[in-house]
Amino acid sequence: MGRLHDREKVGITACCALLGRTKQAYHKRLKSIEKSSLGDELILKHVLEIRKEQPVLGGRKLYHLLGKLLPAGLLPGRDAFFKLLELNGLLIRRRKVPKPTTTLSWHHYHKYGNLYKGRIPGRPNEVWVTDITYLRLEGGGFLYLSLVTDAYSHKVIGWYLSESLCMDGPLEALRMALPRLVPGHSLTHHSDRGVQYCSHAYVSLLQSHGISISMTEDGDPRENAVAERVNGILKEEWLNRESISSLAHGRALVDKAIAIYNDKRPHMSIDYLTPYEADQQEGELKRRWRASYKKKEDITTI
């Protein structure tokens, strides 16, 4: 009993001496642990704040945004940051769901060649890309979202949500984008070969504004990669996470998602700029993705 009582009285200085450490080193380490814990708490607070509007924003983009928000030296290395997200259940996994067909290419309308292949736009309003995707209604059925995106900035510049795959959706989305045009423009409009984009009404609207027409040639989605990617981002990060009750409800959700996407979501493919920021630039934008992180991004950090 006496020996136990003596051990209970052993102080920090004696313990440090037994371990070959100084008391100063002990207190320095203690402060480091406290600082690290406070730093992690602040990082997680900012992550949760960002995720309120961008619920599945990927780890690399979060890391970039936090670099702007946190004091210098507080943000850990990227691997440590991913580990912190993992330990707190904040890594995101992709979800795959069956999808309906939105491209109806078996039609008699004239199809145009691909003027976009191999091009890297050097300014806004050089190439617009277009596509149609679907949103599920909670009671069954689908709504169809037509998008027009600037290929340089990745900014969504026109959209329309409709209840069918008729011509109205793409036409209204295009009409929303047209006010961006200036006299003397040299714009190329790129799409798949769907009947909506080959229709007389759509082609006539493009031609009346002096817009060159470009289309994919072999059905490969990589020929319209920017449009496909924007569709996926809007759905995976916002719209597929909502229960859409009606057309009006869907339109309100799309409007909100596009506003956040355009103004707040950075893209690695445009030098970590938001589409709004990139829309103010000119000249080739640096791509920031790295092959070494591709697998991790695909699995956990959209």
C-alpha atoms as a PDB file:
ATOM      1  CA  MET A   1       0.000   0.000   0.000  1.00  0.00           C
ATOM      2  CA  GLY A   2       2.877   2.313   0.867  1.00  0.00           C
ATOM      3  CA  ARG A   3       4.561   1.710  -2.466  1.00  0.00           C
ATOM      4  CA  LEU A   4       1.337   2.520  -4.373  1.00  0.00           C
ATOM      5  CA  HIS A   5       0.982   5.744  -2.383  1.00  0.00           C
ATOM      6  CA  ASP A   6       4.573   6.692  -3.284  1.00  0.00           C
ATOM      7  CA  ARG A   7       3.956   6.053  -6.983  1.00  0.00           C
ATOM      8  CA  GLU A   8       0.868   8.248  -6.917  1.00  0.00           C
ATOM      9  CA  LYS A   9       3.053  11.154  -5.753  1.00  0.00           C
ATOM     10  CA  VAL A  10       5.547  10.843  -8.618  1.00  0.00           C
ATOM     11  CA  GLY A  11       5.463  14.207 -10.430  1.00  0.00           C
ATOM     12  CA  ILE A  12       5.848  15.265 -14.066  1.00  0.00           C
ATOM     13  CA  THR A  13       9.528  16.083 -13.583  1.00  0.00           C
ATOM     14  CA  ALA A  14      10.326  12.585 -12.307  1.00  0.00           C
ATOM     15  CA  CYS A  15       8.316  10.938 -15.092  1.00  0.00           C
ATOM     16  CA  CYS A  16      10.124  12.995 -17.728  1.00  0.00           C
ATOM     17  CA  ALA A  17      13.469  12.056 -16.191  1.00  0.00           C
ATOM     18  CA  LEU A  18      12.592   8.361 -16.334  1.00  0.00           C
ATOM     19  CA  LEU A  19      11.780   8.754 -20.064  1.00  0.00           C
ATOM     20  CA  GLY A  20      14.858  10.837 -20.804  1.00  0.00           C
ATOM     21  CA  ARG A  21      12.847  13.970 -21.541  1.00  0.00           C
ATOM     22  CA  THR A  22      12.784  17.438 -19.976  1.00  0.00           C
ATOM     23  CA  LYS A  23       9.777  19.042 -18.357  1.00  0.00           C
ATOM     24  CA  GLN A  24       9.954  21.793 -20.983  1.00  0.00           C
ATOM     25  CA  ALA A  25       9.758  19.212 -23.764  1.00  0.00           C
ATOM     26  CA  TYR A  26       6.676  17.698 -22.097  1.00  0.00           C
ATOM     27  CA  HIS A  27       4.860  21.017 -21.930  1.00  0.00           C
ATOM     28  CA  LYS A  28       5.894  21.867 -25.492  1.00  0.00           C
ATOM     29  CA  ARG A  29       4.459  18.564 -26.712  1.00  0.00           C
ATOM     30  CA  LEU A  30       1.266  19.126 -24.720  1.00  0.00           C
ATOM     31  CA  LYS A  31       0.788  22.542 -26.295  1.00  0.00           C
ATOM     32  CA  SER A  32       1.411  21.050 -29.744  1.00  0.00           C
ATOM     33  CA  ILE A  33      -1.307  18.430 -29.175  1.00  0.00           C
ATOM     34  CA  GLU A  34      -3.733  21.099 -27.945  1.00  0.00           C
ATOM     35  CA  LYS A  35      -2.962  23.305 -30.971  1.00  0.00           C
ATOM     36  CA  SER A  36      -3.430  20.368 -33.324  1.00  0.00           C
ATOM     37  CA  SER A  37      -6.772  19.497 -31.737  1.00  0.00           C
ATOM     38  CA  LEU A  38      -7.984  23.088 -31.973  1.00  0.00           C
ATOM     39  CA  GLY A  39      -6.790  23.248 -35.590  1.00  0.00           C
ATOM     40  CA  ASP A  40      -8.654  20.045 -36.464  1.00  0.00           C
ATOM     41  CA  GLU A  41     -11.783  21.425 -34.799  1.00  0.00           C
ATOM     42  CA  LEU A  42     -11.567  24.643 -36.833  1.00  0.00           C
ATOM     43  CA  ILE A  43     -10.945  22.715 -40.063  1.00  0.00           C
ATOM     44  CA  LEU A  44     -13.949  20.460 -39.470  1.00  0.00           C
ATOM     45  CA  LYS A  45     -16.114  23.487 -38.641  1.00  0.00           C
ATOM     46  CA  HIS A  46     -15.248  25.080 -41.993  1.00  0.00           C
ATOM     47  CA  VAL A  47     -15.773  21.776 -43.843  1.00  0.00           C
ATOM     48  CA  LEU A  48     -19.264  21.437 -42.376  1.00  0.00           C
ATOM     49  CA  GLU A  49     -20.079  25.052 -43.261  1.00  0.00           C
ATOM     50  CA  ILE A  50     -18.993  24.527 -46.894  1.00  0.00           C
ATOM     51  CA  ARG A  51     -20.876  21.229 -47.090  1.00  0.00           C
ATOM     52  CA  LYS A  52     -24.134  22.952 -46.118  1.00  0.00           C
ATOM     53  CA  GLU A  53     -24.289  24.367 -49.663  1.00  0.00           C
ATOM     54  CA  GLN A  54     -22.021  21.843 -51.413  1.00  0.00           C
ATOM     55  CA  PRO A  55     -22.838  18.582 -49.594  1.00  0.00           C
ATOM     56  CA  VAL A  56     -20.557  16.286 -51.605  1.00  0.00           C
ATOM     57  CA  LEU A  57     -17.766  18.646 -52.620  1.00  0.00           C
ATOM     58  CA  GLY A  58     -14.611  16.565 -53.029  1.00  0.00           C
ATOM     59  CA  GLY A  59     -11.633  16.528 -50.705  1.00  0.00           C
ATOM     60  CA  ARG A  60      -9.180  18.236 -53.045  1.00  0.00           C
ATOM     61  CA  LYS A  61     -11.567  21.125 -53.677  1.00  0.00           C
ATOM     62  CA  LEU A  62     -12.275  21.430 -49.953  1.00  0.00           C
ATOM     63  CA  TYR A  63      -8.522  21.529 -49.327  1.00  0.00           C
ATOM     64  CA  HIS A  64      -8.141  24.337 -51.863  1.00  0.00           C
ATOM     65  CA  LEU A  65     -10.975  26.405 -50.326  1.00  0.00           C
ATOM     66  CA  LEU A  66      -9.676  25.902 -46.779  1.00  0.00           C
ATOM     67  CA  GLY A  67      -6.284  27.188 -47.882  1.00  0.00           C
ATOM     68  CA  LYS A  68      -7.986  30.542 -48.484  1.00  0.00           C
ATOM     69  CA  LEU A  69      -9.956  30.516 -45.220  1.00  0.00           C
ATOM     70  CA  LEU A  70      -7.477  29.298 -42.583  1.00  0.00           C
ATOM     71  CA  PRO A  71      -4.445  31.096 -41.096  1.00  0.00           C
ATOM     72  CA  ALA A  72      -1.090  30.180 -42.640  1.00  0.00           C
ATOM     73  CA  GLY A  73       0.386  26.986 -41.204  1.00  0.00           C
ATOM     74  CA  LEU A  74      -2.879  25.658 -39.758  1.00  0.00           C
ATOM     75  CA  LEU A  75      -3.896  23.463 -42.688  1.00  0.00           C
ATOM     76  CA  PRO A  76      -2.087  20.079 -42.567  1.00  0.00           C
ATOM     77  CA  GLY A  77      -0.679  18.218 -45.555  1.00  0.00           C
ATOM     78  CA  ARG A  78      -3.190  16.796 -48.027  1.00  0.00           C
ATOM     79  CA  ASP A  79      -2.818  13.173 -46.879  1.00  0.00           C
ATOM     80  CA  ALA A  80      -3.360  14.209 -43.257  1.00  0.00           C
ATOM     81  CA  PHE A  81      -6.395  16.253 -44.329  1.00  0.00           C
ATOM     82  CA  PHE A  82      -7.933  13.250 -46.131  1.00  0.00           C
ATOM     83  CA  LYS A  83      -7.283  11.148 -43.021  1.00  0.00           C
ATOM     84  CA  LEU A  84      -9.055  13.754 -40.863  1.00  0.00           C
ATOM     85  CA  LEU A  85     -12.074  13.626 -43.197  1.00  0.00           C
ATOM     86  CA  GLU A  86     -12.053   9.824 -43.081  1.00  0.00           C
ATOM     87  CA  LEU A  87     -11.858   9.674 -39.277  1.00  0.00           C
ATOM     88  CA  ASN A  88     -14.860  12.010 -39.043  1.00  0.00           C
ATOM     89  CA  GLY A  89     -16.983  10.261 -41.667  1.00  0.00           C
ATOM     90  CA  LEU A  90     -16.718  13.100 -44.178  1.00  0.00           C
ATOM     91  CA  LEU A  91     -15.430  11.272 -47.254  1.00  0.00           C
ATOM     92  CA  ILE A  92     -18.017  10.888 -50.010  1.00  0.00           C
ATOM     93  CA  ARG A  93     -18.721   7.817 -52.123  1.00  0.00           C
ATOM     94  CA  ARG A  94     -20.241   7.942 -55.585  1.00  0.00           C
ATOM     95  CA  ARG A  95     -23.661   6.449 -56.181  1.00  0.00           C
ATOM     96  CA  LYS A  96     -24.593   4.732 -59.432  1.00  0.00           C
ATOM     97  CA  VAL A  97     -28.231   4.516 -60.500  1.00  0.00           C
ATOM     98  CA  PRO A  98     -29.922   3.351 -63.725  1.00  0.00           C
ATOM     99  CA  LYS A  99     -30.758   6.151 -66.149  1.00  0.00           C
ATOM    100  CA  PRO A 100     -33.158   6.665 -69.041  1.00  0.00           C
ATOM    101  CA  THR A 101     -32.064   7.520 -72.581  1.00  0.00           C
ATOM    102  CA  THR A 102     -32.065  11.240 -73.376  1.00  0.00           C
ATOM    103  CA  THR A 103     -30.304  11.189 -76.778  1.00  0.00           C
ATOM    104  CA  LEU A 104     -32.591  10.209 -79.659  1.00  0.00           C
ATOM    105  CA  SER A 105     -30.232  10.079 -82.632  1.00  0.00           C
ATOM    106  CA  TRP A 106     -32.222   7.855 -85.020  1.00  0.00           C
ATOM    107  CA  HIS A 107     -33.812  10.638 -87.040  1.00  0.00           C
ATOM    108  CA  HIS A 108     -33.773  12.043 -90.581  1.00  0.00           C
ATOM    109  CA  TYR A 109     -32.466  15.532 -89.771  1.00  0.00           C
ATOM    110  CA  HIS A 110     -29.070  16.651 -91.082  1.00  0.00           C
ATOM    111  CA  LYS A 111     -26.139  15.917 -88.760  1.00  0.00           C
ATOM    112  CA  TYR A 112     -23.097  18.197 -88.575  1.00  0.00           C
ATOM    113  CA  GLY A 113     -19.396  17.391 -88.167  1.00  0.00           C
ATOM    114  CA  ASN A 114     -17.299  17.817 -85.043  1.00  0.00           C
ATOM    115  CA  LEU A 115     -15.628  21.266 -85.023  1.00  0.00           C
ATOM    116  CA  TYR A 116     -14.709  21.020 -81.330  1.00  0.00           C
ATOM    117  CA  LYS A 117     -12.481  17.924 -81.335  1.00  0.00           C
ATOM    118  CA  GLY A 118      -8.934  18.747 -80.234  1.00  0.00           C
ATOM    119  CA  ARG A 119      -9.711  22.394 -79.448  1.00  0.00           C
ATOM    120  CA  ILE A 120      -8.917  24.102 -76.152  1.00  0.00           C
ATOM    121  CA  PRO A 121     -10.985  27.304 -75.858  1.00  0.00           C
ATOM    122  CA  GLY A 122      -8.917  30.371 -75.001  1.00  0.00           C
ATOM    123  CA  ARG A 123     -11.724  32.673 -73.869  1.00  0.00           C
ATOM    124  CA  PRO A 124     -15.388  32.695 -72.843  1.00  0.00           C
ATOM    125  CA  ASN A 125     -18.010  32.483 -75.609  1.00  0.00           C
ATOM    126  CA  GLU A 126     -15.703  30.622 -77.971  1.00  0.00           C
ATOM    127  CA  VAL A 127     -17.426  27.238 -77.570  1.00  0.00           C
ATOM    128  CA  TRP A 128     -20.744  26.443 -75.929  1.00  0.00           C
ATOM    129  CA  VAL A 129     -21.539  22.816 -75.113  1.00  0.00           C
ATOM    130  CA  THR A 130     -25.022  21.459 -74.577  1.00  0.00           C
ATOM    131  CA  ASP A 131     -26.716  18.362 -73.239  1.00  0.00           C
ATOM    132  CA  ILE A 132     -29.917  17.021 -71.737  1.00  0.00           C
ATOM    133  CA  THR A 133     -30.099  15.011 -68.525  1.00  0.00           C
ATOM    134  CA  TYR A 134     -32.904  13.699 -66.348  1.00  0.00           C
ATOM    135  CA  LEU A 135     -34.088  14.176 -62.755  1.00  0.00           C
ATOM    136  CA  ARG A 136     -36.260  11.673 -60.914  1.00  0.00           C
ATOM    137  CA  LEU A 137     -39.612  12.698 -59.449  1.00  0.00           C
ATOM    138  CA  GLU A 138     -40.365  11.287 -56.000  1.00  0.00           C
ATOM    139  CA  GLY A 139     -43.710   9.886 -57.160  1.00  0.00           C
ATOM    140  CA  GLY A 140     -42.184   8.221 -60.234  1.00  0.00           C
ATOM    141  CA  GLY A 141     -41.339   9.544 -63.665  1.00  0.00           C
ATOM    142  CA  PHE A 142     -38.743  12.051 -64.784  1.00  0.00           C
ATOM    143  CA  LEU A 143     -38.058  15.698 -65.512  1.00  0.00           C
ATOM    144  CA  TYR A 144     -35.557  16.688 -68.217  1.00  0.00           C
ATOM    145  CA  LEU A 145     -32.901  19.352 -67.703  1.00  0.00           C
ATOM    146  CA  SER A 146     -31.432  21.093 -70.775  1.00  0.00           C
ATOM    147  CA  LEU A 147     -28.139  22.882 -70.160  1.00  0.00           C
ATOM    148  CA  VAL A 148     -25.905  25.256 -72.119  1.00  0.00           C
ATOM    149  CA  THR A 149     -22.384  25.548 -70.671  1.00  0.00           C
ATOM    150  CA  ASP A 150     -19.466  27.731 -71.691  1.00  0.00           C
ATOM    151  CA  ALA A 151     -16.649  25.266 -72.446  1.00  0.00           C
ATOM    152  CA  TYR A 152     -13.920  27.707 -71.366  1.00  0.00           C
ATOM    153  CA  SER A 153     -15.256  28.705 -67.944  1.00  0.00           C
ATOM    154  CA  HIS A 154     -17.559  25.706 -67.291  1.00  0.00           C
ATOM    155  CA  LYS A 155     -20.214  28.244 -66.345  1.00  0.00           C
ATOM    156  CA  VAL A 156     -23.830  27.216 -66.914  1.00  0.00           C
ATOM    157  CA  ILE A 157     -25.207  30.047 -69.036  1.00  0.00           C
ATOM    158  CA  GLY A 158     -28.597  28.628 -70.008  1.00  0.00           C
ATOM    159  CA  TRP A 159     -30.954  26.011 -68.618  1.00  0.00           C
ATOM    160  CA  TYR A 160     -34.548  24.844 -68.749  1.00  0.00           C
ATOM    161  CA  LEU A 161     -36.382  22.073 -66.890  1.00  0.00           C
ATOM    162  CA  SER A 162     -39.320  20.428 -68.654  1.00  0.00           C
ATOM    163  CA  GLU A 163     -41.600  17.423 -68.328  1.00  0.00           C
ATOM    164  CA  SER A 164     -40.712  15.883 -71.694  1.00  0.00           C
ATOM    165  CA  LEU A 165     -37.891  15.505 -74.211  1.00  0.00           C
ATOM    166  CA  CYS A 166     -39.577  17.840 -76.675  1.00  0.00           C
ATOM    167  CA  MET A 167     -37.790  20.736 -78.435  1.00  0.00           C
ATOM    168  CA  ASP A 168     -38.914  23.377 -75.923  1.00  0.00           C
ATOM    169  CA  GLY A 169     -36.295  22.567 -73.275  1.00  0.00           C
ATOM    170  CA  PRO A 170     -33.155  22.960 -75.423  1.00  0.00           C
ATOM    171  CA  LEU A 171     -34.626  25.994 -77.219  1.00  0.00           C
ATOM    172  CA  GLU A 172     -35.400  27.815 -73.974  1.00  0.00           C
ATOM    173  CA  ALA A 173     -31.975  27.005 -72.531  1.00  0.00           C
ATOM    174  CA  LEU A 174     -30.335  28.392 -75.679  1.00  0.00           C
ATOM    175  CA  ARG A 175     -32.476  31.534 -75.592  1.00  0.00           C
ATOM    176  CA  MET A 176     -31.315  32.153 -72.010  1.00  0.00           C
ATOM    177  CA  ALA A 177     -27.675  32.028 -73.162  1.00  0.00           C
ATOM    178  CA  LEU A 178     -27.989  34.161 -76.306  1.00  0.00           C
ATOM    179  CA  PRO A 179     -27.803  37.594 -74.600  1.00  0.00           C
ATOM    180  CA  ARG A 180     -24.108  36.851 -73.887  1.00  0.00           C
ATOM    181  CA  LEU A 181     -23.296  37.203 -77.586  1.00  0.00           C
ATOM    182  CA  VAL A 182     -21.593  40.373 -78.828  1.00  0.00           C
ATOM    183  CA  PRO A 183     -21.359  41.724 -82.397  1.00  0.00           C
ATOM    184  CA  GLY A 184     -18.626  40.051 -84.410  1.00  0.00           C
ATOM    185  CA  HIS A 185     -18.507  36.918 -82.236  1.00  0.00           C
ATOM    186  CA  SER A 186     -17.078  33.635 -83.530  1.00  0.00           C
ATOM    187  CA  LEU A 187     -18.963  31.119 -81.408  1.00  0.00           C
ATOM    188  CA  THR A 188     -19.180  27.359 -81.966  1.00  0.00           C
ATOM    189  CA  HIS A 189     -22.152  25.456 -80.540  1.00  0.00           C
ATOM    190  CA  HIS A 190     -21.362  21.799 -79.758  1.00  0.00           C
ATOM    191  CA  SER A 191     -23.888  19.070 -78.948  1.00  0.00           C
ATOM    192  CA  ASP A 192     -24.648  15.409 -79.454  1.00  0.00           C
ATOM    193  CA  ARG A 193     -26.692  14.307 -82.498  1.00  0.00           C
ATOM    194  CA  GLY A 194     -29.981  14.165 -80.645  1.00  0.00           C
ATOM    195  CA  VAL A 195     -33.120  15.069 -82.563  1.00  0.00           C
ATOM    196  CA  GLN A 196     -33.625  18.181 -80.417  1.00  0.00           C
ATOM    197  CA  TYR A 197     -30.326  19.728 -81.543  1.00  0.00           C
ATOM    198  CA  CYS A 198     -30.731  18.692 -85.194  1.00  0.00           C
ATOM    199  CA  SER A 199     -34.306  19.974 -85.471  1.00  0.00           C
ATOM    200  CA  HIS A 200     -35.159  22.766 -87.912  1.00  0.00           C
ATOM    201  CA  ALA A 201     -36.208  25.090 -85.064  1.00  0.00           C
ATOM    202  CA  TYR A 202     -32.958  24.679 -83.135  1.00  0.00           C
ATOM    203  CA  VAL A 203     -30.640  24.851 -86.151  1.00  0.00           C
ATOM    204  CA  SER A 204     -32.472  27.909 -87.478  1.00  0.00           C
ATOM    205  CA  LEU A 205     -32.058  29.717 -84.158  1.00  0.00           C
ATOM    206  CA  LEU A 206     -28.307  29.027 -84.199  1.00  0.00           C
ATOM    207  CA  GLN A 207     -27.904  30.092 -87.807  1.00  0.00           C
ATOM    208  CA  SER A 208     -29.909  33.288 -87.309  1.00  0.00           C
ATOM    209  CA  HIS A 209     -27.296  34.364 -84.735  1.00  0.00           C
ATOM    210  CA  GLY A 210     -24.299  33.402 -86.860  1.00  0.00           C
ATOM    211  CA  ILE A 211     -23.292  30.488 -84.612  1.00  0.00           C
ATOM    212  CA  SER A 212     -21.236  27.624 -86.080  1.00  0.00           C
ATOM    213  CA  ILE A 213     -22.727  24.161 -85.486  1.00  0.00           C
ATOM    214  CA  SER A 214     -20.659  21.231 -84.206  1.00  0.00           C
ATOM    215  CA  MET A 215     -21.811  17.738 -83.195  1.00  0.00           C
ATOM    216  CA  THR A 216     -20.328  14.536 -81.816  1.00  0.00           C
ATOM    217  CA  GLU A 217     -19.628  11.907 -84.461  1.00  0.00           C
ATOM    218  CA  ASP A 218     -19.557   8.433 -82.919  1.00  0.00           C
ATOM    219  CA  GLY A 219     -21.607   8.588 -79.709  1.00  0.00           C
ATOM    220  CA  ASP A 220     -18.541   8.698 -77.479  1.00  0.00           C
ATOM    221  CA  PRO A 221     -19.409  10.853 -74.403  1.00  0.00           C
ATOM    222  CA  ARG A 222     -15.792  12.066 -74.321  1.00  0.00           C
ATOM    223  CA  GLU A 223     -16.606  14.112 -77.435  1.00  0.00           C
ATOM    224  CA  ASN A 224     -18.841  16.206 -75.195  1.00  0.00           C
ATOM    225  CA  ALA A 225     -16.969  15.727 -71.939  1.00  0.00           C
ATOM    226  CA  VAL A 226     -17.481  19.184 -70.395  1.00  0.00           C
ATOM    227  CA  ALA A 227     -21.256  19.023 -70.837  1.00  0.00           C
ATOM    228  CA  GLU A 228     -21.382  15.473 -69.457  1.00  0.00           C
ATOM    229  CA  ARG A 229     -19.275  16.454 -66.462  1.00  0.00           C
ATOM    230  CA  VAL A 230     -21.401  19.492 -65.612  1.00  0.00           C
ATOM    231  CA  ASN A 231     -24.527  17.314 -65.758  1.00  0.00           C
ATOM    232  CA  GLY A 232     -22.912  14.856 -63.379  1.00  0.00           C
ATOM    233  CA  ILE A 233     -21.746  17.492 -60.906  1.00  0.00           C
ATOM    234  CA  LEU A 234     -25.149  19.164 -60.646  1.00  0.00           C
ATOM    235  CA  LYS A 235     -26.890  15.832 -60.115  1.00  0.00           C
ATOM    236  CA  GLU A 236     -24.375  14.064 -57.868  1.00  0.00           C
ATOM    237  CA  GLU A 237     -23.626  17.021 -55.635  1.00  0.00           C
ATOM    238  CA  TRP A 238     -27.109  18.557 -55.365  1.00  0.00           C
ATOM    239  CA  LEU A 239     -30.102  17.419 -57.375  1.00  0.00           C
ATOM    240  CA  ASN A 240     -29.978  13.631 -56.874  1.00  0.00           C
ATOM    241  CA  ARG A 241     -29.870  14.249 -53.138  1.00  0.00           C
ATOM    242  CA  GLU A 242     -33.282  15.952 -53.172  1.00  0.00           C
ATOM    243  CA  SER A 243     -36.818  14.567 -53.303  1.00  0.00           C
ATOM    244  CA  ILE A 244     -38.377  16.478 -56.192  1.00  0.00           C
ATOM    245  CA  SER A 245     -42.140  16.710 -55.832  1.00  0.00           C
ATOM    246  CA  SER A 246     -43.127  18.709 -58.924  1.00  0.00           C
ATOM    247  CA  LEU A 247     -41.887  20.665 -61.934  1.00  0.00           C
ATOM    248  CA  ALA A 248     -42.017  23.949 -59.979  1.00  0.00           C
ATOM    249  CA  HIS A 249     -40.108  22.408 -57.082  1.00  0.00           C
ATOM    250  CA  GLY A 250     -37.544  20.992 -59.484  1.00  0.00           C
ATOM    251  CA  ARG A 251     -37.014  24.367 -61.154  1.00  0.00           C
ATOM    252  CA  ALA A 252     -36.421  26.045 -57.792  1.00  0.00           C
ATOM    253  CA  LEU A 253     -33.853  23.387 -56.840  1.00  0.00           C
ATOM    254  CA  VAL A 254     -32.074  23.642 -60.206  1.00  0.00           C
ATOM    255  CA  ASP A 255     -31.911  27.432 -59.969  1.00  0.00           C
ATOM    256  CA  LYS A 256     -30.324  27.222 -56.496  1.00  0.00           C
ATOM    257  CA  ALA A 257     -27.874  24.446 -57.480  1.00  0.00           C
ATOM    258  CA  ILE A 258     -26.667  26.302 -60.573  1.00  0.00           C
ATOM    259  CA  ALA A 259     -26.166  29.520 -58.604  1.00  0.00           C
ATOM    260  CA  ILE A 260     -23.939  27.732 -56.069  1.00  0.00           C
ATOM    261  CA  TYR A 261     -22.152  25.782 -58.807  1.00  0.00           C
ATOM    262  CA  ASN A 262     -21.391  28.908 -60.863  1.00  0.00           C
ATOM    263  CA  ASP A 263     -20.377  31.177 -58.000  1.00  0.00           C
ATOM    264  CA  LYS A 264     -18.786  28.952 -55.348  1.00  0.00           C
ATOM    265  CA  ARG A 265     -17.562  25.590 -56.659  1.00  0.00           C
ATOM    266  CA  PRO A 266     -13.887  25.510 -57.739  1.00  0.00           C
ATOM    267  CA  HIS A 267     -12.780  23.281 -60.646  1.00  0.00           C
ATOM    268  CA  MET A 268      -9.389  21.618 -60.905  1.00  0.00           C
ATOM    269  CA  SER A 269      -9.710  21.725 -64.701  1.00  0.00           C
ATOM    270  CA  ILE A 270      -9.772  25.549 -64.661  1.00  0.00           C
ATOM    271  CA  ASP A 271      -7.005  26.290 -62.154  1.00  0.00           C
ATOM    272  CA  TYR A 272      -9.263  25.931 -59.085  1.00  0.00           C
ATOM    273  CA  LEU A 273     -11.343  28.915 -60.195  1.00  0.00           C
ATOM    274  CA  THR A 274     -15.099  28.971 -59.883  1.00  0.00           C
ATOM    275  CA  PRO A 275     -16.962  29.186 -63.218  1.00  0.00           C
ATOM    276  CA  TYR A 276     -17.867  32.795 -62.399  1.00  0.00           C
ATOM    277  CA  GLU A 277     -14.182  33.652 -61.822  1.00  0.00           C
ATOM    278  CA  ALA A 278     -13.067  31.804 -64.958  1.00  0.00           C
ATOM    279  CA  ASP A 279     -15.679  33.679 -66.976  1.00  0.00           C
ATOM    280  CA  GLN A 280     -13.710  36.875 -66.283  1.00  0.00           C
ATOM    281  CA  GLN A 281     -10.439  35.429 -67.645  1.00  0.00           C
ATOM    282  CA  GLU A 282      -8.799  34.989 -71.041  1.00  0.00           C
ATOM    283  CA  GLY A 283      -5.986  32.666 -72.149  1.00  0.00           C
ATOM    284  CA  GLU A 284      -5.479  28.973 -71.482  1.00  0.00           C
ATOM    285  CA  LEU A 285      -6.306  27.994 -67.904  1.00  0.00           C
ATOM    286  CA  LYS A 286      -4.027  25.583 -66.049  1.00  0.00           C
ATOM    287  CA  ARG A 287      -5.394  22.129 -65.234  1.00  0.00           C
ATOM    288  CA  ARG A 288      -4.663  21.086 -61.666  1.00  0.00           C
ATOM    289  CA  TRP A 289      -5.628  17.407 -61.465  1.00  0.00           C
ATOM    290  CA  ARG A 290      -2.973  14.820 -60.707  1.00  0.00           C
ATOM    291  CA  ALA A 291      -3.017  11.206 -61.833  1.00  0.00           C
ATOM    292  CA  SER A 292      -1.706   9.999 -58.469  1.00  0.00           C
ATOM    293  CA  TYR A 293      -4.955  11.075 -56.785  1.00  0.00           C
ATOM    294  CA  LYS A 294      -7.369   9.996 -59.518  1.00  0.00           C
ATOM    295  CA  LYS A 295      -8.368   6.700 -57.927  1.00  0.00           C
ATOM    296  CA  LYS A 296      -8.973   8.276 -54.528  1.00  0.00           C
ATOM    297  CA  GLU A 297     -11.039  11.053 -56.112  1.00  0.00           C
ATOM    298  CA  ASP A 298     -13.189   8.597 -58.058  1.00  0.00           C
ATOM    299  CA  ILE A 299     -13.979   6.566 -54.948  1.00  0.00           C
ATOM    300  CA  THR A 300     -14.270   8.984 -52.080  1.00  0.00           C
ATOM    301  CA  THR A 301     -13.873  12.649 -52.891  1.00  0.00           C
ATOM    302  CA  ILE A 302     -16.063  13.759 -55.762  1.00  0.00           C
END
